[in-house]
Amino acid sequence: MERTESKVVQVAPDYENDKIQEMEAFGWNLQGRQEIHQEGDAEGKPSLTGSKYVITVKISHYVKLHFARSLSTPNLDRVRKLENEYFSMIFPEWPSLKGPAGLVVFAVLALIVVIRTINDPQAPTGGMIVVALLFGGGGGAWLKSRLAKRAQASKQISANTARRVELMGETQRLLAQSAGAAG
């Protein structure tokens, strides 16, 4: 009887087929699946950016996939190294723009109030201008910082996605060579 290693992975139902293809690319064969209807962690994909990097989410419905791989697979040590690098990549979350954008909107609204009351001698326009400028400046600086962090995250996501494609290609070449040598 052939010796094998096995692995169990939990995924969101929408990501099930992608995960199976991903695991098969590293020489794993699907042995079984089980649908779970209770809270747990599972792999999924973010939907806002449309990219294919993986995130871990808390869900109440997920699929457990059981995979097996032969220990006699040629180049298995190299495949394992490539697989470990592939799955250990970190994909940062996008920094939210809600907070800084809110401050900027507040500052704009305050300036609108100041402009509308500028002819009223009893309106405290001086203080309002200072408050609006402080909130606008702080919000603008915060927004600029968040946009820089988003650009950095986007750059890392692109680099990691490209590296994942390279790793997948290298793994498939190794496994194809193994299959060619065996056949």
N, C-alpha and C. Protein backbone atom coordinates (compact mmCIF):
# COMPACT_ATOMS: atom_id res chain seq x y z
N MET A 1 0.85 -1.18 0.00
CA MET A 1 0.00 0.00 0.00
C MET A 1 0.89 1.24 0.00
N GLU A 2 0.51 2.18 -0.80
CA GLU A 2 1.30 3.41 -0.94
C GLU A 2 1.13 4.30 0.30
N ARG A 3 2.24 4.87 0.74
CA ARG A 3 2.21 5.78 1.88
C ARG A 3 1.84 7.17 1.37
N THR A 4 0.99 7.85 2.14
CA THR A 4 0.53 9.18 1.76
C THR A 4 0.58 10.11 2.96
N GLU A 5 0.51 11.39 2.65
CA GLU A 5 0.32 12.41 3.69
C GLU A 5 -1.03 13.05 3.41
N SER A 6 -1.65 13.62 4.44
CA SER A 6 -2.96 14.21 4.22
C SER A 6 -3.04 15.58 4.86
N LYS A 7 -4.03 16.33 4.40
CA LYS A 7 -4.24 17.69 4.88
C LYS A 7 -5.73 17.98 4.79
N VAL A 8 -6.25 18.67 5.82
CA VAL A 8 -7.65 19.10 5.84
C VAL A 8 -7.67 20.62 5.80
N VAL A 9 -8.48 21.17 4.90
CA VAL A 9 -8.57 22.62 4.72
C VAL A 9 -10.04 23.02 4.80
N GLN A 10 -10.30 24.13 5.48
CA GLN A 10 -11.66 24.67 5.56
C GLN A 10 -11.75 25.88 4.65
N VAL A 11 -12.78 25.90 3.80
CA VAL A 11 -12.94 27.01 2.86
C VAL A 11 -14.40 27.45 2.82
N ALA A 12 -14.58 28.69 2.38
CA ALA A 12 -15.93 29.20 2.12
C ALA A 12 -16.49 28.44 0.92
N PRO A 13 -17.79 28.15 0.90
CA PRO A 13 -18.36 27.37 -0.20
C PRO A 13 -18.08 27.96 -1.59
N ASP A 14 -18.07 29.27 -1.71
CA ASP A 14 -17.81 29.90 -3.01
C ASP A 14 -16.37 29.71 -3.48
N TYR A 15 -15.47 29.39 -2.58
CA TYR A 15 -14.05 29.26 -2.88
C TYR A 15 -13.63 27.80 -3.03
N GLU A 16 -14.57 26.88 -2.87
CA GLU A 16 -14.26 25.46 -2.85
C GLU A 16 -13.55 24.98 -4.11
N ASN A 17 -14.08 25.26 -5.28
CA ASN A 17 -13.47 24.78 -6.53
C ASN A 17 -12.10 25.39 -6.76
N ASP A 18 -11.94 26.68 -6.44
CA ASP A 18 -10.63 27.32 -6.58
C ASP A 18 -9.60 26.65 -5.68
N LYS A 19 -10.00 26.32 -4.45
CA LYS A 19 -9.09 25.70 -3.49
C LYS A 19 -8.70 24.30 -3.95
N ILE A 20 -9.65 23.56 -4.50
CA ILE A 20 -9.35 22.21 -4.99
C ILE A 20 -8.32 22.30 -6.12
N GLN A 21 -8.52 23.21 -7.06
CA GLN A 21 -7.56 23.38 -8.16
C GLN A 21 -6.19 23.80 -7.64
N GLU A 22 -6.18 24.69 -6.67
CA GLU A 22 -4.94 25.18 -6.07
C GLU A 22 -4.18 24.02 -5.41
N MET A 23 -4.88 23.20 -4.66
CA MET A 23 -4.23 22.08 -3.97
C MET A 23 -3.77 21.01 -4.97
N GLU A 24 -4.56 20.76 -5.99
CA GLU A 24 -4.17 19.78 -7.01
C GLU A 24 -2.89 20.21 -7.72
N ALA A 25 -2.69 21.52 -7.85
CA ALA A 25 -1.48 22.03 -8.50
C ALA A 25 -0.24 21.66 -7.70
N PHE A 26 -0.39 21.38 -6.41
CA PHE A 26 0.74 20.99 -5.57
C PHE A 26 0.78 19.48 -5.33
N GLY A 27 0.05 18.74 -6.18
CA GLY A 27 0.10 17.29 -6.12
C GLY A 27 -0.89 16.65 -5.16
N TRP A 28 -1.77 17.42 -4.56
CA TRP A 28 -2.77 16.88 -3.64
C TRP A 28 -3.96 16.35 -4.42
N ASN A 29 -4.58 15.29 -3.92
CA ASN A 29 -5.79 14.72 -4.52
C ASN A 29 -6.92 14.82 -3.50
N LEU A 30 -8.07 15.28 -3.95
CA LEU A 30 -9.23 15.41 -3.07
C LEU A 30 -9.72 14.02 -2.69
N GLN A 31 -9.80 13.77 -1.39
CA GLN A 31 -10.27 12.48 -0.88
C GLN A 31 -11.70 12.55 -0.37
N GLY A 32 -12.12 13.73 0.07
CA GLY A 32 -13.47 13.86 0.60
C GLY A 32 -13.79 15.30 0.93
N ARG A 33 -15.07 15.57 1.09
CA ARG A 33 -15.52 16.91 1.46
C ARG A 33 -16.68 16.77 2.43
N GLN A 34 -16.81 17.78 3.29
CA GLN A 34 -17.89 17.78 4.26
C GLN A 34 -18.37 19.21 4.44
N GLU A 35 -19.66 19.41 4.32
CA GLU A 35 -20.22 20.75 4.55
C GLU A 35 -20.53 20.90 6.03
N ILE A 36 -20.13 22.04 6.57
CA ILE A 36 -20.32 22.32 7.99
C ILE A 36 -21.22 23.55 8.12
N HIS A 37 -22.17 23.46 9.04
CA HIS A 37 -23.09 24.58 9.29
C HIS A 37 -22.96 25.03 10.75
N GLN A 38 -21.79 25.48 11.12
CA GLN A 38 -21.55 26.08 12.43
C GLN A 38 -20.44 27.08 12.29
N GLU A 39 -20.24 27.95 13.28
CA GLU A 39 -19.25 29.01 13.15
C GLU A 39 -17.83 28.44 13.15
N GLY A 40 -16.99 28.98 12.25
CA GLY A 40 -15.60 28.58 12.17
C GLY A 40 -14.82 29.50 11.25
N ASP A 41 -13.51 29.28 11.16
CA ASP A 41 -12.65 30.06 10.27
C ASP A 41 -12.54 29.32 8.95
N ALA A 42 -12.56 30.06 7.86
CA ALA A 42 -12.42 29.45 6.54
C ALA A 42 -11.75 30.44 5.60
N GLU A 43 -11.16 29.91 4.53
CA GLU A 43 -10.51 30.76 3.54
C GLU A 43 -11.56 31.26 2.56
N GLY A 44 -11.40 32.50 2.15
CA GLY A 44 -12.29 33.09 1.16
C GLY A 44 -11.54 34.14 0.38
N LYS A 45 -12.23 34.81 -0.53
CA LYS A 45 -11.61 35.86 -1.33
C LYS A 45 -12.34 37.17 -1.10
N PRO A 46 -11.62 38.27 -1.07
CA PRO A 46 -12.29 39.56 -0.95
C PRO A 46 -13.01 39.89 -2.24
N SER A 47 -14.11 40.62 -2.14
CA SER A 47 -14.90 40.88 -3.33
C SER A 47 -14.74 42.31 -3.85
N LEU A 48 -14.30 43.23 -3.03
CA LEU A 48 -14.25 44.62 -3.46
C LEU A 48 -13.18 44.88 -4.51
N THR A 49 -12.03 44.28 -4.37
CA THR A 49 -10.94 44.56 -5.30
C THR A 49 -10.95 43.65 -6.51
N GLY A 50 -11.62 42.51 -6.39
CA GLY A 50 -11.65 41.57 -7.50
C GLY A 50 -10.39 40.75 -7.63
N SER A 51 -9.43 40.94 -6.74
CA SER A 51 -8.19 40.17 -6.82
C SER A 51 -8.41 38.79 -6.23
N LYS A 52 -7.46 37.90 -6.41
CA LYS A 52 -7.66 36.52 -6.00
C LYS A 52 -6.82 36.15 -4.79
N TYR A 53 -6.41 37.10 -3.97
CA TYR A 53 -5.66 36.71 -2.79
C TYR A 53 -6.62 36.20 -1.72
N VAL A 54 -6.07 35.43 -0.80
CA VAL A 54 -6.88 34.71 0.17
C VAL A 54 -6.91 35.44 1.50
N ILE A 55 -8.09 35.44 2.12
CA ILE A 55 -8.24 35.98 3.46
C ILE A 55 -8.91 34.92 4.32
N THR A 56 -8.75 35.01 5.63
CA THR A 56 -9.43 34.11 6.54
C THR A 56 -10.60 34.85 7.15
N VAL A 57 -11.75 34.24 7.13
CA VAL A 57 -12.97 34.90 7.60
C VAL A 57 -13.70 34.00 8.60
N LYS A 58 -14.51 34.61 9.44
CA LYS A 58 -15.41 33.88 10.35
C LYS A 58 -16.73 33.68 9.61
N ILE A 59 -17.14 32.43 9.46
CA ILE A 59 -18.40 32.15 8.78
C ILE A 59 -19.15 31.06 9.53
N SER A 60 -20.42 30.89 9.20
CA SER A 60 -21.22 29.85 9.84
C SER A 60 -21.50 28.69 8.89
N HIS A 61 -21.06 28.79 7.66
CA HIS A 61 -21.25 27.72 6.67
C HIS A 61 -19.95 27.60 5.89
N TYR A 62 -19.29 26.45 6.00
CA TYR A 62 -18.05 26.27 5.26
C TYR A 62 -17.92 24.81 4.85
N VAL A 63 -16.90 24.54 4.04
CA VAL A 63 -16.67 23.19 3.53
C VAL A 63 -15.30 22.72 4.00
N LYS A 64 -15.27 21.52 4.54
CA LYS A 64 -14.00 20.90 4.94
C LYS A 64 -13.57 19.99 3.79
N LEU A 65 -12.36 20.21 3.30
CA LEU A 65 -11.84 19.40 2.21
C LEU A 65 -10.68 18.56 2.73
N HIS A 66 -10.69 17.27 2.43
CA HIS A 66 -9.61 16.37 2.85
C HIS A 66 -8.81 15.98 1.62
N PHE A 67 -7.50 16.27 1.67
CA PHE A 67 -6.60 15.98 0.56
C PHE A 67 -5.55 14.96 0.98
N ALA A 68 -5.06 14.19 0.01
CA ALA A 68 -3.97 13.24 0.24
C ALA A 68 -2.96 13.38 -0.90
N ARG A 69 -1.70 13.09 -0.57
CA ARG A 69 -0.62 13.17 -1.57
C ARG A 69 0.36 12.03 -1.28
N SER A 70 0.85 11.40 -2.35
CA SER A 70 1.78 10.29 -2.22
C SER A 70 3.12 10.78 -1.70
N LEU A 71 3.68 10.04 -0.77
CA LEU A 71 5.01 10.37 -0.25
C LEU A 71 6.11 9.96 -1.22
N SER A 72 5.76 9.20 -2.26
CA SER A 72 6.75 8.79 -3.25
C SER A 72 6.77 9.72 -4.46
N THR A 73 6.06 10.84 -4.38
CA THR A 73 6.07 11.81 -5.47
C THR A 73 7.49 12.32 -5.68
N PRO A 74 8.01 12.22 -6.91
CA PRO A 74 9.35 12.76 -7.17
C PRO A 74 9.38 14.27 -6.91
N ASN A 75 10.51 14.76 -6.45
CA ASN A 75 10.72 16.18 -6.15
C ASN A 75 9.80 16.68 -5.03
N LEU A 76 9.33 15.79 -4.17
CA LEU A 76 8.36 16.17 -3.14
C LEU A 76 8.92 17.23 -2.19
N ASP A 77 10.20 17.13 -1.85
CA ASP A 77 10.78 18.15 -0.95
C ASP A 77 10.73 19.53 -1.58
N ARG A 78 11.08 19.62 -2.85
CA ARG A 78 11.05 20.91 -3.56
C ARG A 78 9.60 21.41 -3.69
N VAL A 79 8.68 20.51 -4.00
CA VAL A 79 7.26 20.88 -4.10
C VAL A 79 6.77 21.42 -2.76
N ARG A 80 7.16 20.76 -1.66
CA ARG A 80 6.76 21.22 -0.33
C ARG A 80 7.29 22.62 -0.03
N LYS A 81 8.54 22.88 -0.41
CA LYS A 81 9.11 24.22 -0.19
C LYS A 81 8.34 25.29 -0.96
N LEU A 82 8.04 24.98 -2.23
CA LEU A 82 7.28 25.93 -3.05
C LEU A 82 5.88 26.13 -2.48
N GLU A 83 5.27 25.04 -2.03
CA GLU A 83 3.93 25.10 -1.45
C GLU A 83 3.93 25.93 -0.16
N ASN A 84 4.92 25.73 0.69
CA ASN A 84 5.02 26.51 1.93
C ASN A 84 5.17 28.00 1.65
N GLU A 85 6.02 28.33 0.68
CA GLU A 85 6.18 29.74 0.32
C GLU A 85 4.87 30.30 -0.22
N TYR A 86 4.20 29.53 -1.07
CA TYR A 86 2.94 29.96 -1.68
C TYR A 86 1.90 30.28 -0.61
N PHE A 87 1.71 29.37 0.34
CA PHE A 87 0.66 29.54 1.33
C PHE A 87 1.05 30.43 2.51
N SER A 88 2.33 30.77 2.63
CA SER A 88 2.74 31.62 3.76
C SER A 88 2.75 33.11 3.40
N MET A 89 2.46 33.44 2.16
CA MET A 89 2.46 34.85 1.76
C MET A 89 1.35 35.62 2.47
N ILE A 90 1.68 36.83 2.87
CA ILE A 90 0.73 37.68 3.58
C ILE A 90 0.17 38.71 2.62
N PHE A 91 -1.14 38.81 2.61
CA PHE A 91 -1.82 39.80 1.79
C PHE A 91 -2.49 40.80 2.72
N PRO A 92 -1.96 42.02 2.77
CA PRO A 92 -2.50 43.01 3.72
C PRO A 92 -3.91 43.46 3.36
N GLU A 93 -4.63 43.88 4.39
CA GLU A 93 -5.96 44.43 4.17
C GLU A 93 -5.84 45.87 3.69
N TRP A 94 -6.86 46.32 2.97
CA TRP A 94 -6.88 47.70 2.52
C TRP A 94 -7.22 48.60 3.69
N PRO A 95 -6.39 49.64 3.97
CA PRO A 95 -6.74 50.59 5.02
C PRO A 95 -8.02 51.34 4.65
N SER A 96 -8.90 51.50 5.61
CA SER A 96 -10.17 52.19 5.37
C SER A 96 -9.95 53.68 5.19
N LEU A 97 -10.77 54.28 4.34
CA LEU A 97 -10.72 55.73 4.13
C LEU A 97 -11.88 56.44 4.83
N LYS A 98 -12.72 55.70 5.54
CA LYS A 98 -13.91 56.28 6.16
C LYS A 98 -13.57 57.38 7.17
N GLY A 99 -12.65 57.11 8.10
CA GLY A 99 -12.30 58.08 9.13
C GLY A 99 -11.76 59.39 8.57
N PRO A 100 -10.69 59.32 7.77
CA PRO A 100 -10.14 60.57 7.23
C PRO A 100 -11.10 61.29 6.28
N ALA A 101 -11.84 60.53 5.50
CA ALA A 101 -12.81 61.16 4.60
C ALA A 101 -13.90 61.85 5.40
N GLY A 102 -14.30 61.26 6.51
CA GLY A 102 -15.29 61.87 7.38
C GLY A 102 -14.83 63.20 7.94
N LEU A 103 -13.56 63.26 8.35
CA LEU A 103 -13.02 64.52 8.85
C LEU A 103 -13.00 65.59 7.76
N VAL A 104 -12.62 65.21 6.57
CA VAL A 104 -12.58 66.17 5.46
C VAL A 104 -13.99 66.66 5.15
N VAL A 105 -14.96 65.77 5.12
CA VAL A 105 -16.35 66.17 4.87
C VAL A 105 -16.85 67.10 5.97
N PHE A 106 -16.52 66.78 7.23
CA PHE A 106 -16.90 67.65 8.34
C PHE A 106 -16.31 69.05 8.16
N ALA A 107 -15.03 69.11 7.75
CA ALA A 107 -14.37 70.40 7.55
C ALA A 107 -15.04 71.19 6.43
N VAL A 108 -15.39 70.52 5.36
CA VAL A 108 -16.06 71.19 4.24
C VAL A 108 -17.42 71.73 4.68
N LEU A 109 -18.16 70.93 5.42
CA LEU A 109 -19.46 71.38 5.92
C LEU A 109 -19.30 72.59 6.85
N ALA A 110 -18.27 72.55 7.70
CA ALA A 110 -18.01 73.68 8.60
C ALA A 110 -17.68 74.93 7.79
N LEU A 111 -16.90 74.80 6.74
CA LEU A 111 -16.58 75.95 5.90
C LEU A 111 -17.82 76.49 5.19
N ILE A 112 -18.71 75.58 4.77
CA ILE A 112 -19.96 76.02 4.15
C ILE A 112 -20.78 76.84 5.14
N VAL A 113 -20.85 76.38 6.38
CA VAL A 113 -21.58 77.11 7.42
C VAL A 113 -20.94 78.49 7.63
N VAL A 114 -19.62 78.53 7.66
CA VAL A 114 -18.91 79.80 7.83
C VAL A 114 -19.22 80.75 6.68
N ILE A 115 -19.18 80.25 5.47
CA ILE A 115 -19.44 81.09 4.29
C ILE A 115 -20.88 81.61 4.31
N ARG A 116 -21.81 80.79 4.71
CA ARG A 116 -23.22 81.20 4.74
C ARG A 116 -23.50 82.23 5.85
N THR A 117 -22.70 82.20 6.90
CA THR A 117 -22.94 83.13 8.03
C THR A 117 -21.91 84.25 8.08
N ILE A 118 -21.14 84.45 7.05
CA ILE A 118 -20.05 85.43 7.09
C ILE A 118 -20.57 86.86 7.25
N ASN A 119 -21.75 87.14 6.75
CA ASN A 119 -22.30 88.50 6.86
C ASN A 119 -23.01 88.74 8.19
N ASP A 120 -23.20 87.71 8.98
CA ASP A 120 -23.85 87.86 10.28
C ASP A 120 -22.80 88.27 11.31
N PRO A 121 -22.88 89.49 11.87
CA PRO A 121 -21.85 89.96 12.79
C PRO A 121 -21.83 89.18 14.10
N GLN A 122 -22.88 88.46 14.42
CA GLN A 122 -22.90 87.74 15.68
C GLN A 122 -22.46 86.28 15.53
N ALA A 123 -22.23 85.82 14.32
CA ALA A 123 -21.80 84.44 14.11
C ALA A 123 -20.32 84.31 14.45
N PRO A 124 -19.95 83.27 15.17
CA PRO A 124 -18.54 83.06 15.55
C PRO A 124 -17.73 82.47 14.39
N THR A 125 -17.56 83.23 13.32
CA THR A 125 -16.91 82.71 12.12
C THR A 125 -15.42 82.46 12.31
N GLY A 126 -14.74 83.27 13.12
CA GLY A 126 -13.29 83.08 13.31
C GLY A 126 -12.96 81.73 13.90
N GLY A 127 -13.70 81.36 14.95
CA GLY A 127 -13.49 80.06 15.59
C GLY A 127 -13.87 78.92 14.67
N MET A 128 -14.93 79.12 13.93
CA MET A 128 -15.38 78.08 13.01
C MET A 128 -14.36 77.85 11.89
N ILE A 129 -13.75 78.94 11.42
CA ILE A 129 -12.72 78.82 10.38
C ILE A 129 -11.54 78.02 10.91
N VAL A 130 -11.11 78.33 12.13
CA VAL A 130 -9.98 77.63 12.73
C VAL A 130 -10.31 76.14 12.89
N VAL A 131 -11.51 75.86 13.41
CA VAL A 131 -11.92 74.45 13.59
C VAL A 131 -11.98 73.74 12.24
N ALA A 132 -12.56 74.39 11.24
CA ALA A 132 -12.66 73.78 9.92
C ALA A 132 -11.28 73.50 9.33
N LEU A 133 -10.37 74.46 9.49
CA LEU A 133 -9.01 74.27 8.96
C LEU A 133 -8.27 73.16 9.70
N LEU A 134 -8.45 73.09 11.02
CA LEU A 134 -7.80 72.02 11.79
C LEU A 134 -8.32 70.65 11.38
N PHE A 135 -9.65 70.52 11.31
CA PHE A 135 -10.23 69.24 10.90
C PHE A 135 -9.88 68.92 9.46
N GLY A 136 -9.95 69.91 8.59
CA GLY A 136 -9.60 69.69 7.18
C GLY A 136 -8.15 69.31 7.01
N GLY A 137 -7.26 70.02 7.70
CA GLY A 137 -5.84 69.70 7.60
C GLY A 137 -5.51 68.33 8.19
N GLY A 138 -6.08 68.06 9.37
CA GLY A 138 -5.85 66.75 9.99
C GLY A 138 -6.42 65.63 9.15
N GLY A 139 -7.64 65.84 8.67
CA GLY A 139 -8.27 64.82 7.83
C GLY A 139 -7.53 64.64 6.52
N GLY A 140 -7.06 65.73 5.95
CA GLY A 140 -6.30 65.64 4.69
C GLY A 140 -4.99 64.90 4.88
N ALA A 141 -4.29 65.19 5.98
CA ALA A 141 -3.02 64.49 6.26
C ALA A 141 -3.28 63.01 6.51
N TRP A 142 -4.32 62.72 7.26
CA TRP A 142 -4.68 61.33 7.56
C TRP A 142 -5.07 60.61 6.27
N LEU A 143 -5.84 61.28 5.42
CA LEU A 143 -6.26 60.70 4.15
C LEU A 143 -5.05 60.41 3.26
N LYS A 144 -4.12 61.37 3.22
CA LYS A 144 -2.90 61.18 2.42
C LYS A 144 -2.10 59.98 2.94
N SER A 145 -2.01 59.84 4.25
CA SER A 145 -1.30 58.71 4.86
C SER A 145 -1.98 57.39 4.51
N ARG A 146 -3.31 57.37 4.59
CA ARG A 146 -4.05 56.15 4.27
C ARG A 146 -3.91 55.79 2.79
N LEU A 147 -3.93 56.79 1.92
CA LEU A 147 -3.77 56.52 0.49
C LEU A 147 -2.38 55.95 0.21
N ALA A 148 -1.37 56.44 0.92
CA ALA A 148 -0.01 55.90 0.76
C ALA A 148 0.03 54.44 1.23
N LYS A 149 -0.64 54.15 2.36
CA LYS A 149 -0.68 52.78 2.85
C LYS A 149 -1.44 51.87 1.89
N ARG A 150 -2.50 52.41 1.27
CA ARG A 150 -3.25 51.63 0.27
C ARG A 150 -2.38 51.32 -0.94
N ALA A 151 -1.60 52.32 -1.37
CA ALA A 151 -0.71 52.10 -2.51
C ALA A 151 0.34 51.04 -2.18
N GLN A 152 0.86 51.10 -0.95
CA GLN A 152 1.85 50.12 -0.50
C GLN A 152 1.22 48.72 -0.44
N ALA A 153 0.00 48.62 0.09
CA ALA A 153 -0.69 47.34 0.16
C ALA A 153 -0.95 46.80 -1.24
N SER A 154 -1.36 47.68 -2.15
CA SER A 154 -1.62 47.27 -3.53
C SER A 154 -0.36 46.74 -4.19
N LYS A 155 0.75 47.41 -3.93
CA LYS A 155 2.04 46.98 -4.49
C LYS A 155 2.42 45.60 -3.95
N GLN A 156 2.24 45.39 -2.63
CA GLN A 156 2.58 44.10 -2.03
C GLN A 156 1.65 43.01 -2.55
N ILE A 157 0.38 43.31 -2.69
CA ILE A 157 -0.58 42.33 -3.21
C ILE A 157 -0.21 41.93 -4.64
N SER A 158 0.14 42.92 -5.46
CA SER A 158 0.53 42.63 -6.85
C SER A 158 1.80 41.78 -6.90
N ALA A 159 2.78 42.13 -6.08
CA ALA A 159 4.04 41.38 -6.06
C ALA A 159 3.80 39.95 -5.58
N ASN A 160 3.00 39.79 -4.52
CA ASN A 160 2.73 38.45 -4.00
C ASN A 160 1.91 37.62 -4.98
N THR A 161 0.97 38.26 -5.67
CA THR A 161 0.17 37.55 -6.66
C THR A 161 1.06 37.07 -7.81
N ALA A 162 1.96 37.93 -8.27
CA ALA A 162 2.89 37.55 -9.34
C ALA A 162 3.80 36.41 -8.88
N ARG A 163 4.28 36.49 -7.65
CA ARG A 163 5.16 35.44 -7.12
C ARG A 163 4.39 34.12 -7.01
N ARG A 164 3.13 34.20 -6.62
CA ARG A 164 2.31 32.98 -6.52
C ARG A 164 2.17 32.32 -7.89
N VAL A 165 2.00 33.12 -8.93
CA VAL A 165 1.90 32.57 -10.29
C VAL A 165 3.21 31.86 -10.65
N GLU A 166 4.34 32.49 -10.31
CA GLU A 166 5.65 31.88 -10.57
C GLU A 166 5.79 30.55 -9.82
N LEU A 167 5.42 30.55 -8.54
CA LEU A 167 5.54 29.34 -7.73
C LEU A 167 4.66 28.22 -8.29
N MET A 168 3.45 28.59 -8.69
CA MET A 168 2.53 27.60 -9.25
C MET A 168 3.12 27.02 -10.54
N GLY A 169 3.67 27.87 -11.40
CA GLY A 169 4.27 27.40 -12.64
C GLY A 169 5.45 26.48 -12.40
N GLU A 170 6.31 26.86 -11.45
CA GLU A 170 7.48 26.04 -11.13
C GLU A 170 7.05 24.68 -10.58
N THR A 171 6.03 24.69 -9.73
CA THR A 171 5.53 23.44 -9.16
C THR A 171 4.95 22.54 -10.25
N GLN A 172 4.18 23.13 -11.15
CA GLN A 172 3.58 22.33 -12.22
C GLN A 172 4.66 21.75 -13.14
N ARG A 173 5.74 22.51 -13.37
CA ARG A 173 6.85 21.98 -14.18
C ARG A 173 7.50 20.79 -13.47
N LEU A 174 7.71 20.91 -12.17
CA LEU A 174 8.32 19.81 -11.40
C LEU A 174 7.44 18.56 -11.45
N LEU A 175 6.16 18.74 -11.23
CA LEU A 175 5.25 17.60 -11.23
C LEU A 175 5.10 17.00 -12.63
N ALA A 176 5.14 17.85 -13.67
CA ALA A 176 5.05 17.36 -15.04
C ALA A 176 6.31 16.55 -15.40
N GLN A 177 7.47 17.02 -14.95
CA GLN A 177 8.72 16.29 -15.18
C GLN A 177 8.65 14.93 -14.49
N SER A 178 8.09 14.94 -13.29
CA SER A 178 7.95 13.69 -12.53
C SER A 178 7.04 12.72 -13.27
N ALA A 179 5.93 13.23 -13.79
CA ALA A 179 4.97 12.40 -14.51
C ALA A 179 5.58 11.89 -15.80
N GLY A 180 6.37 12.74 -16.48
CA GLY A 180 7.03 12.35 -17.72
C GLY A 180 8.08 11.29 -17.48
N ALA A 181 8.81 11.39 -16.36
CA ALA A 181 9.84 10.41 -16.03
C ALA A 181 9.21 9.08 -15.63
N ALA A 182 8.04 9.15 -15.00
CA ALA A 182 7.37 7.93 -14.56
C ALA A 182 6.70 7.21 -15.73
N GLY A 183 6.28 7.99 -16.77
CA GLY A 183 5.53 7.39 -17.89
C GLY A 183 6.38 6.91 -18.95
